[in-house]
PDB file of N, CA and C in Angstrom:
ATOM      1  N   MET A   1      46.046  -9.970   6.107  1.00  0.00           N
ATOM      2  CA  MET A   1      45.615  -8.841   5.327  1.00  0.00           C
ATOM      3  C   MET A   1      46.291  -7.589   5.863  1.00  0.00           C
ATOM      4  N   SER A   2      46.517  -6.692   4.956  1.00  0.00           N
ATOM      5  CA  SER A   2      47.154  -5.460   5.393  1.00  0.00           C
ATOM      6  C   SER A   2      46.105  -4.528   5.981  1.00  0.00           C
ATOM      7  N   GLU A   3      46.594  -3.562   6.692  1.00  0.00           N
ATOM      8  CA  GLU A   3      45.727  -2.610   7.380  1.00  0.00           C
ATOM      9  C   GLU A   3      44.899  -1.783   6.406  1.00  0.00           C
ATOM     10  N   SER A   4      45.461  -1.437   5.270  1.00  0.00           N
ATOM     11  CA  SER A   4      44.741  -0.612   4.293  1.00  0.00           C
ATOM     12  C   SER A   4      43.570  -1.376   3.670  1.00  0.00           C
ATOM     13  N   VAL A   5      43.702  -2.683   3.488  1.00  0.00           N
ATOM     14  CA  VAL A   5      42.619  -3.487   2.926  1.00  0.00           C
ATOM     15  C   VAL A   5      41.459  -3.563   3.911  1.00  0.00           C
ATOM     16  N   VAL A   6      41.751  -3.737   5.195  1.00  0.00           N
ATOM     17  CA  VAL A   6      40.712  -3.801   6.216  1.00  0.00           C
ATOM     18  C   VAL A   6      39.975  -2.463   6.300  1.00  0.00           C
ATOM     19  N   ILE A   7      40.694  -1.375   6.254  1.00  0.00           N
ATOM     20  CA  ILE A   7      40.071  -0.050   6.304  1.00  0.00           C
ATOM     21  C   ILE A   7      39.182   0.163   5.074  1.00  0.00           C
ATOM     22  N   LEU A   8      39.668  -0.254   3.917  1.00  0.00           N
ATOM     23  CA  LEU A   8      38.885  -0.143   2.693  1.00  0.00           C
ATOM     24  C   LEU A   8      37.606  -0.979   2.784  1.00  0.00           C
ATOM     25  N   MET A   9      37.696  -2.199   3.291  1.00  0.00           N
ATOM     26  CA  MET A   9      36.521  -3.067   3.425  1.00  0.00           C
ATOM     27  C   MET A   9      35.514  -2.479   4.418  1.00  0.00           C
ATOM     28  N   ILE A  10      35.969  -1.941   5.509  1.00  0.00           N
ATOM     29  CA  ILE A  10      35.078  -1.320   6.493  1.00  0.00           C
ATOM     30  C   ILE A  10      34.399  -0.098   5.884  1.00  0.00           C
ATOM     31  N   GLY A  11      35.151   0.695   5.157  1.00  0.00           N
ATOM     32  CA  GLY A  11      34.579   1.884   4.516  1.00  0.00           C
ATOM     33  C   GLY A  11      33.518   1.532   3.493  1.00  0.00           C
ATOM     34  N   ILE A  12      33.804   0.556   2.642  1.00  0.00           N
ATOM     35  CA  ILE A  12      32.833   0.151   1.615  1.00  0.00           C
ATOM     36  C   ILE A  12      31.587  -0.460   2.260  1.00  0.00           C
ATOM     37  N   SER A  13      31.757  -1.308   3.274  1.00  0.00           N
ATOM     38  CA  SER A  13      30.589  -1.924   3.910  1.00  0.00           C
ATOM     39  C   SER A  13      29.748  -0.880   4.641  1.00  0.00           C
ATOM     40  N   THR A  14      30.392   0.120   5.251  1.00  0.00           N
ATOM     41  CA  THR A  14      29.639   1.199   5.887  1.00  0.00           C
ATOM     42  C   THR A  14      28.854   1.999   4.855  1.00  0.00           C
ATOM     43  N   PHE A  15      29.483   2.283   3.721  1.00  0.00           N
ATOM     44  CA  PHE A  15      28.808   3.012   2.646  1.00  0.00           C
ATOM     45  C   PHE A  15      27.607   2.234   2.113  1.00  0.00           C
ATOM     46  N   LEU A  16      27.774   0.941   1.878  1.00  0.00           N
ATOM     47  CA  LEU A  16      26.672   0.131   1.366  1.00  0.00           C
ATOM     48  C   LEU A  16      25.542   0.003   2.395  1.00  0.00           C
ATOM     49  N   GLY A  17      25.881  -0.109   3.670  1.00  0.00           N
ATOM     50  CA  GLY A  17      24.866  -0.159   4.715  1.00  0.00           C
ATOM     51  C   GLY A  17      24.081   1.142   4.789  1.00  0.00           C
ATOM     52  N   ALA A  18      24.778   2.272   4.693  1.00  0.00           N
ATOM     53  CA  ALA A  18      24.110   3.576   4.705  1.00  0.00           C
ATOM     54  C   ALA A  18      23.219   3.729   3.479  1.00  0.00           C
ATOM     55  N   LEU A  19      23.679   3.260   2.340  1.00  0.00           N
ATOM     56  CA  LEU A  19      22.889   3.313   1.121  1.00  0.00           C
ATOM     57  C   LEU A  19      21.609   2.482   1.256  1.00  0.00           C
ATOM     58  N   GLY A  20      21.711   1.316   1.850  1.00  0.00           N
ATOM     59  CA  GLY A  20      20.534   0.484   2.089  1.00  0.00           C
ATOM     60  C   GLY A  20      19.559   1.137   3.050  1.00  0.00           C
ATOM     61  N   LEU A  21      20.073   1.759   4.099  1.00  0.00           N
ATOM     62  CA  LEU A  21      19.225   2.447   5.072  1.00  0.00           C
ATOM     63  C   LEU A  21      18.513   3.627   4.427  1.00  0.00           C
ATOM     64  N   ILE A  22      19.224   4.384   3.607  1.00  0.00           N
ATOM     65  CA  ILE A  22      18.606   5.515   2.908  1.00  0.00           C
ATOM     66  C   ILE A  22      17.506   5.003   1.974  1.00  0.00           C
ATOM     67  N   GLY A  23      17.751   3.903   1.283  1.00  0.00           N
ATOM     68  CA  GLY A  23      16.734   3.325   0.406  1.00  0.00           C
ATOM     69  C   GLY A  23      15.506   2.870   1.172  1.00  0.00           C
ATOM     70  N   LEU A  24      15.694   2.260   2.328  1.00  0.00           N
ATOM     71  CA  LEU A  24      14.575   1.829   3.154  1.00  0.00           C
ATOM     72  C   LEU A  24      13.773   3.022   3.660  1.00  0.00           C
ATOM     73  N   LEU A  25      14.452   4.047   4.134  1.00  0.00           N
ATOM     74  CA  LEU A  25      13.760   5.235   4.630  1.00  0.00           C
ATOM     75  C   LEU A  25      12.990   5.935   3.511  1.00  0.00           C
ATOM     76  N   TRP A  26      13.573   5.975   2.311  1.00  0.00           N
ATOM     77  CA  TRP A  26      12.879   6.564   1.170  1.00  0.00           C
ATOM     78  C   TRP A  26      11.609   5.775   0.848  1.00  0.00           C
ATOM     79  N   ALA A  27      11.708   4.444   0.880  1.00  0.00           N
ATOM     80  CA  ALA A  27      10.552   3.602   0.563  1.00  0.00           C
ATOM     81  C   ALA A  27       9.438   3.797   1.586  1.00  0.00           C
ATOM     82  N   VAL A  28       9.787   3.910   2.849  1.00  0.00           N
ATOM     83  CA  VAL A  28       8.775   4.126   3.883  1.00  0.00           C
ATOM     84  C   VAL A  28       8.144   5.504   3.725  1.00  0.00           C
ATOM     85  N   LYS A  29       8.963   6.507   3.434  1.00  0.00           N
ATOM     86  CA  LYS A  29       8.472   7.879   3.312  1.00  0.00           C
ATOM     87  C   LYS A  29       7.525   8.035   2.122  1.00  0.00           C
ATOM     88  N   THR A  30       7.804   7.366   1.013  1.00  0.00           N
ATOM     89  CA  THR A  30       6.970   7.506  -0.176  1.00  0.00           C
ATOM     90  C   THR A  30       5.783   6.548  -0.177  1.00  0.00           C
ATOM     91  N   GLY A  31       5.639   5.734   0.857  1.00  0.00           N
ATOM     92  CA  GLY A  31       4.460   4.881   0.986  1.00  0.00           C
ATOM     93  C   GLY A  31       4.529   3.589   0.199  1.00  0.00           C
ATOM     94  N   GLN A  32       5.705   3.051  -0.006  1.00  0.00           N
ATOM     95  CA  GLN A  32       5.834   1.817  -0.769  1.00  0.00           C
ATOM     96  C   GLN A  32       5.246   0.612  -0.036  1.00  0.00           C
ATOM     97  N   PHE A  33       5.125   0.687   1.280  1.00  0.00           N
ATOM     98  CA  PHE A  33       4.647  -0.435   2.070  1.00  0.00           C
ATOM     99  C   PHE A  33       3.237  -0.206   2.601  1.00  0.00           C
ATOM    100  N   ASP A  34       2.496   0.759   2.062  1.00  0.00           N
ATOM    101  CA  ASP A  34       1.187   1.109   2.592  1.00  0.00           C
ATOM    102  C   ASP A  34       0.051   0.245   2.063  1.00  0.00           C
ATOM    103  N   ASP A  35       0.267  -0.567   1.065  1.00  0.00           N
ATOM    104  CA  ASP A  35      -0.801  -1.367   0.472  1.00  0.00           C
ATOM    105  C   ASP A  35      -1.005  -2.642   1.281  1.00  0.00           C
ATOM    106  N   GLU A  36      -1.748  -2.520   2.386  1.00  0.00           N
ATOM    107  CA  GLU A  36      -1.964  -3.659   3.268  1.00  0.00           C
ATOM    108  C   GLU A  36      -2.946  -4.656   2.672  1.00  0.00           C
ATOM    109  N   SER A  37      -3.926  -4.176   1.946  1.00  0.00           N
ATOM    110  CA  SER A  37      -4.955  -5.077   1.421  1.00  0.00           C
ATOM    111  C   SER A  37      -4.411  -5.993   0.328  1.00  0.00           C
ATOM    112  N   LYS A  38      -3.332  -5.621  -0.312  1.00  0.00           N
ATOM    113  CA  LYS A  38      -2.767  -6.454  -1.372  1.00  0.00           C
ATOM    114  C   LYS A  38      -2.382  -7.825  -0.821  1.00  0.00           C
ATOM    115  N   PHE A  39      -1.727  -7.853   0.311  1.00  0.00           N
ATOM    116  CA  PHE A  39      -1.283  -9.113   0.878  1.00  0.00           C
ATOM    117  C   PHE A  39      -2.449  -9.886   1.482  1.00  0.00           C
ATOM    118  N   ILE A  40      -3.410  -9.183   2.045  1.00  0.00           N
ATOM    119  CA  ILE A  40      -4.577  -9.848   2.623  1.00  0.00           C
ATOM    120  C   ILE A  40      -5.412 -10.478   1.508  1.00  0.00           C
ATOM    121  N   ASP A  41      -5.632  -9.734   0.423  1.00  0.00           N
ATOM    122  CA  ASP A  41      -6.410 -10.266  -0.697  1.00  0.00           C
ATOM    123  C   ASP A  41      -5.702 -11.428  -1.367  1.00  0.00           C
ATOM    124  N   ALA A  42      -4.396 -11.379  -1.421  1.00  0.00           N
ATOM    125  CA  ALA A  42      -3.647 -12.459  -2.065  1.00  0.00           C
ATOM    126  C   ALA A  42      -3.813 -13.773  -1.311  1.00  0.00           C
ATOM    127  N   THR A  43      -3.936 -13.717   0.000  1.00  0.00           N
ATOM    128  CA  THR A  43      -4.126 -14.952   0.754  1.00  0.00           C
ATOM    129  C   THR A  43      -5.593 -15.342   0.829  1.00  0.00           C
ATOM    130  N   ARG A  44      -6.484 -14.391   0.735  1.00  0.00           N
ATOM    131  CA  ARG A  44      -7.917 -14.670   0.864  1.00  0.00           C
ATOM    132  C   ARG A  44      -8.484 -15.280  -0.417  1.00  0.00           C
ATOM    133  N   TYR A  45      -8.027 -14.842  -1.568  1.00  0.00           N
ATOM    134  CA  TYR A  45      -8.579 -15.302  -2.840  1.00  0.00           C
ATOM    135  C   TYR A  45      -7.516 -16.088  -3.589  1.00  0.00           C
ATOM    136  N   ASP A  46      -7.823 -17.342  -3.841  1.00  0.00           N
ATOM    137  CA  ASP A  46      -6.833 -18.226  -4.448  1.00  0.00           C
ATOM    138  C   ASP A  46      -6.679 -18.032  -5.951  1.00  0.00           C
ATOM    139  N   ASN A  47      -7.760 -17.698  -6.639  1.00  0.00           N
ATOM    140  CA  ASN A  47      -7.638 -17.598  -8.090  1.00  0.00           C
ATOM    141  C   ASN A  47      -8.214 -16.272  -8.576  1.00  0.00           C
ATOM    142  N   GLU A  48      -8.072 -16.029  -9.851  1.00  0.00           N
ATOM    143  CA  GLU A  48      -8.509 -14.754 -10.435  1.00  0.00           C
ATOM    144  C   GLU A  48     -10.008 -14.565 -10.370  1.00  0.00           C
ATOM    145  N   GLU A  49     -10.752 -15.644 -10.523  1.00  0.00           N
ATOM    146  CA  GLU A  49     -12.205 -15.539 -10.520  1.00  0.00           C
ATOM    147  C   GLU A  49     -12.722 -15.065  -9.159  1.00  0.00           C
ATOM    148  N   ASP A  50     -12.174 -15.615  -8.075  1.00  0.00           N
ATOM    149  CA  ASP A  50     -12.574 -15.172  -6.739  1.00  0.00           C
ATOM    150  C   ASP A  50     -12.211 -13.711  -6.508  1.00  0.00           C
ATOM    151  N   LEU A  51     -11.037 -13.325  -6.955  1.00  0.00           N
ATOM    152  CA  LEU A  51     -10.602 -11.936  -6.794  1.00  0.00           C
ATOM    153  C   LEU A  51     -11.477 -10.997  -7.621  1.00  0.00           C
ATOM    154  N   ARG A  52     -11.821 -11.399  -8.838  1.00  0.00           N
ATOM    155  CA  ARG A  52     -12.690 -10.591  -9.687  1.00  0.00           C
ATOM    156  C   ARG A  52     -14.072 -10.430  -9.042  1.00  0.00           C
ATOM    157  N   ASP A  53     -14.586 -11.519  -8.457  1.00  0.00           N
ATOM    158  CA  ASP A  53     -15.875 -11.447  -7.770  1.00  0.00           C
ATOM    159  C   ASP A  53     -15.814 -10.500  -6.583  1.00  0.00           C
ATOM    160  N   ALA A  54     -14.711 -10.540  -5.845  1.00  0.00           N
ATOM    161  CA  ALA A  54     -14.568  -9.655  -4.690  1.00  0.00           C
ATOM    162  C   ALA A  54     -14.501  -8.199  -5.119  1.00  0.00           C
ATOM    163  N   VAL A  55     -13.809  -7.922  -6.209  1.00  0.00           N
ATOM    164  CA  VAL A  55     -13.723  -6.554  -6.722  1.00  0.00           C
ATOM    165  C   VAL A  55     -15.097  -6.081  -7.176  1.00  0.00           C
ATOM    166  N   MET A  56     -15.845  -6.968  -7.838  1.00  0.00           N
ATOM    167  CA  MET A  56     -17.176  -6.608  -8.297  1.00  0.00           C
ATOM    168  C   MET A  56     -18.103  -6.331  -7.103  1.00  0.00           C
ATOM    169  N   MET A  57     -18.014  -7.131  -6.059  1.00  0.00           N
ATOM    170  CA  MET A  57     -18.832  -6.899  -4.870  1.00  0.00           C
ATOM    171  C   MET A  57     -18.462  -5.577  -4.204  1.00  0.00           C
ATOM    172  N   ASP A  58     -17.176  -5.261  -4.185  1.00  0.00           N
ATOM    173  CA  ASP A  58     -16.732  -3.998  -3.596  1.00  0.00           C
ATOM    174  C   ASP A  58     -17.267  -2.812  -4.396  1.00  0.00           C
ATOM    175  N   GLU A  59     -17.260  -2.927  -5.720  1.00  0.00           N
ATOM    176  CA  GLU A  59     -17.799  -1.862  -6.563  1.00  0.00           C
ATOM    177  C   GLU A  59     -19.301  -1.700  -6.347  1.00  0.00           C
ATOM    178  N   LYS A  60     -20.011  -2.815  -6.178  1.00  0.00           N
ATOM    179  CA  LYS A  60     -21.451  -2.743  -5.913  1.00  0.00           C
ATOM    180  C   LYS A  60     -21.721  -2.043  -4.583  1.00  0.00           C
ATOM    181  N   LYS A  61     -20.899  -2.339  -3.571  1.00  0.00           N
ATOM    182  CA  LYS A  61     -21.063  -1.683  -2.270  1.00  0.00           C
ATOM    183  C   LYS A  61     -20.857  -0.177  -2.394  1.00  0.00           C
ATOM    184  N   LYS A  62     -19.822   0.214  -3.134  1.00  0.00           N
ATOM    185  CA  LYS A  62     -19.553   1.643  -3.321  1.00  0.00           C
ATOM    186  C   LYS A  62     -20.699   2.314  -4.072  1.00  0.00           C
ATOM    187  N   GLN A  63     -21.218   1.656  -5.106  1.00  0.00           N
ATOM    188  CA  GLN A  63     -22.323   2.215  -5.873  1.00  0.00           C
ATOM    189  C   GLN A  63     -23.575   2.323  -5.007  1.00  0.00           C
ATOM    190  N   SER A  64     -23.828   1.326  -4.191  1.00  0.00           N
ATOM    191  CA  SER A  64     -24.990   1.348  -3.304  1.00  0.00           C
ATOM    192  C   SER A  64     -24.887   2.488  -2.297  1.00  0.00           C
ATOM    193  N   LYS A  65     -23.693   2.676  -1.768  1.00  0.00           N
ATOM    194  CA  LYS A  65     -23.481   3.766  -0.812  1.00  0.00           C
ATOM    195  C   LYS A  65     -23.698   5.119  -1.491  1.00  0.00           C
ATOM    196  N   LYS A  66     -23.203   5.241  -2.719  1.00  0.00           N
ATOM    197  CA  LYS A  66     -23.371   6.485  -3.472  1.00  0.00           C
ATOM    198  C   LYS A  66     -24.844   6.742  -3.754  1.00  0.00           C
ATOM    199  N   ASP A  67     -25.580   5.689  -4.127  1.00  0.00           N
ATOM    200  CA  ASP A  67     -27.014   5.826  -4.395  1.00  0.00           C
ATOM    201  C   ASP A  67     -27.776   6.255  -3.149  1.00  0.00           C
ATOM    202  N   ARG A  68     -27.434   5.683  -2.008  1.00  0.00           N
ATOM    203  CA  ARG A  68     -28.103   6.065  -0.756  1.00  0.00           C
ATOM    204  C   ARG A  68     -27.844   7.525  -0.418  1.00  0.00           C
ATOM    205  N   GLU A  69     -26.603   7.983  -0.628  1.00  0.00           N
ATOM    206  CA  GLU A  69     -26.279   9.384  -0.345  1.00  0.00           C
ATOM    207  C   GLU A  69     -27.046  10.319  -1.275  1.00  0.00           C
ATOM    208  N   GLU A  70     -27.151   9.953  -2.555  1.00  0.00           N
ATOM    209  CA  GLU A  70     -27.900  10.771  -3.504  1.00  0.00           C
ATOM    210  C   GLU A  70     -29.379  10.800  -3.137  1.00  0.00           C
ATOM    211  N   LYS A  71     -29.917   9.670  -2.713  1.00  0.00           N
ATOM    212  CA  LYS A  71     -31.320   9.597  -2.325  1.00  0.00           C
ATOM    213  C   LYS A  71     -31.568  10.463  -1.092  1.00  0.00           C
ATOM    214  N   ARG A  72     -30.629  10.423  -0.141  1.00  0.00           N
ATOM    215  CA  ARG A  72     -30.754  11.225   1.066  1.00  0.00           C
ATOM    216  C   ARG A  72     -30.707  12.720   0.726  1.00  0.00           C
ATOM    217  N   GLU A  73     -29.839  13.097  -0.219  1.00  0.00           N
ATOM    218  CA  GLU A  73     -29.732  14.500  -0.624  1.00  0.00           C
ATOM    219  C   GLU A  73     -31.009  14.950  -1.329  1.00  0.00           C
ATOM    220  N   LYS A  74     -31.608  14.077  -2.139  1.00  0.00           N
ATOM    221  CA  LYS A  74     -32.837  14.435  -2.853  1.00  0.00           C
ATOM    222  C   LYS A  74     -34.019  14.570  -1.895  1.00  0.00           C
ATOM    223  N   SER A  75     -34.062  13.734  -0.877  1.00  0.00           N
ATOM    224  CA  SER A  75     -35.210  13.741   0.025  1.00  0.00           C
ATOM    225  C   SER A  75     -35.093  14.837   1.083  1.00  0.00           C
ATOM    226  N   TYR A  76     -33.976  15.508   1.139  1.00  0.00           N
ATOM    227  CA  TYR A  76     -33.777  16.567   2.146  1.00  0.00           C
ATOM    228  C   TYR A  76     -34.562  17.806   1.724  1.00  0.00           C
ATOM    229  N   SER A  77     -35.323  18.318   2.644  1.00  0.00           N
ATOM    230  CA  SER A  77     -36.024  19.566   2.378  1.00  0.00           C
ATOM    231  C   SER A  77     -35.677  20.557   3.488  1.00  0.00           C
ATOM    232  N   PRO A  78     -35.263  21.745   3.114  1.00  0.00           N
ATOM    233  CA  PRO A  78     -34.865  22.720   4.132  1.00  0.00           C
ATOM    234  C   PRO A  78     -36.075  23.186   4.931  1.00  0.00           C
ATOM    235  N   PRO A  79     -35.856  23.613   6.156  1.00  0.00           N
ATOM    236  CA  PRO A  79     -36.979  24.086   6.972  1.00  0.00           C
ATOM    237  C   PRO A  79     -37.547  25.372   6.417  1.00  0.00           C
ATOM    238  N   ASP A  80     -38.841  25.608   6.649  1.00  0.00           N
ATOM    239  CA  ASP A  80     -39.510  26.815   6.145  1.00  0.00           C
ATOM    240  C   ASP A  80     -39.172  28.026   6.954  1.00  0.00           C
TER     241      ASP A  80
END
């Protein structure tokens, strides 16, 4: 191979490597890899019905927590 072809190949591979690195850094910065529960839930629940049940239980927990907070706010009486 001639010297110019080797230089061209090195230049293109360096450019593509830098482009890949910039893409990876952008993905990390914008939070593309922050959804940890997605992979955990995918292995924990085998089918849609189990996943739907888990989502429903999570919603019930959130609603229960909200109800307790509202009850606590209603029962609060300021000092005289």
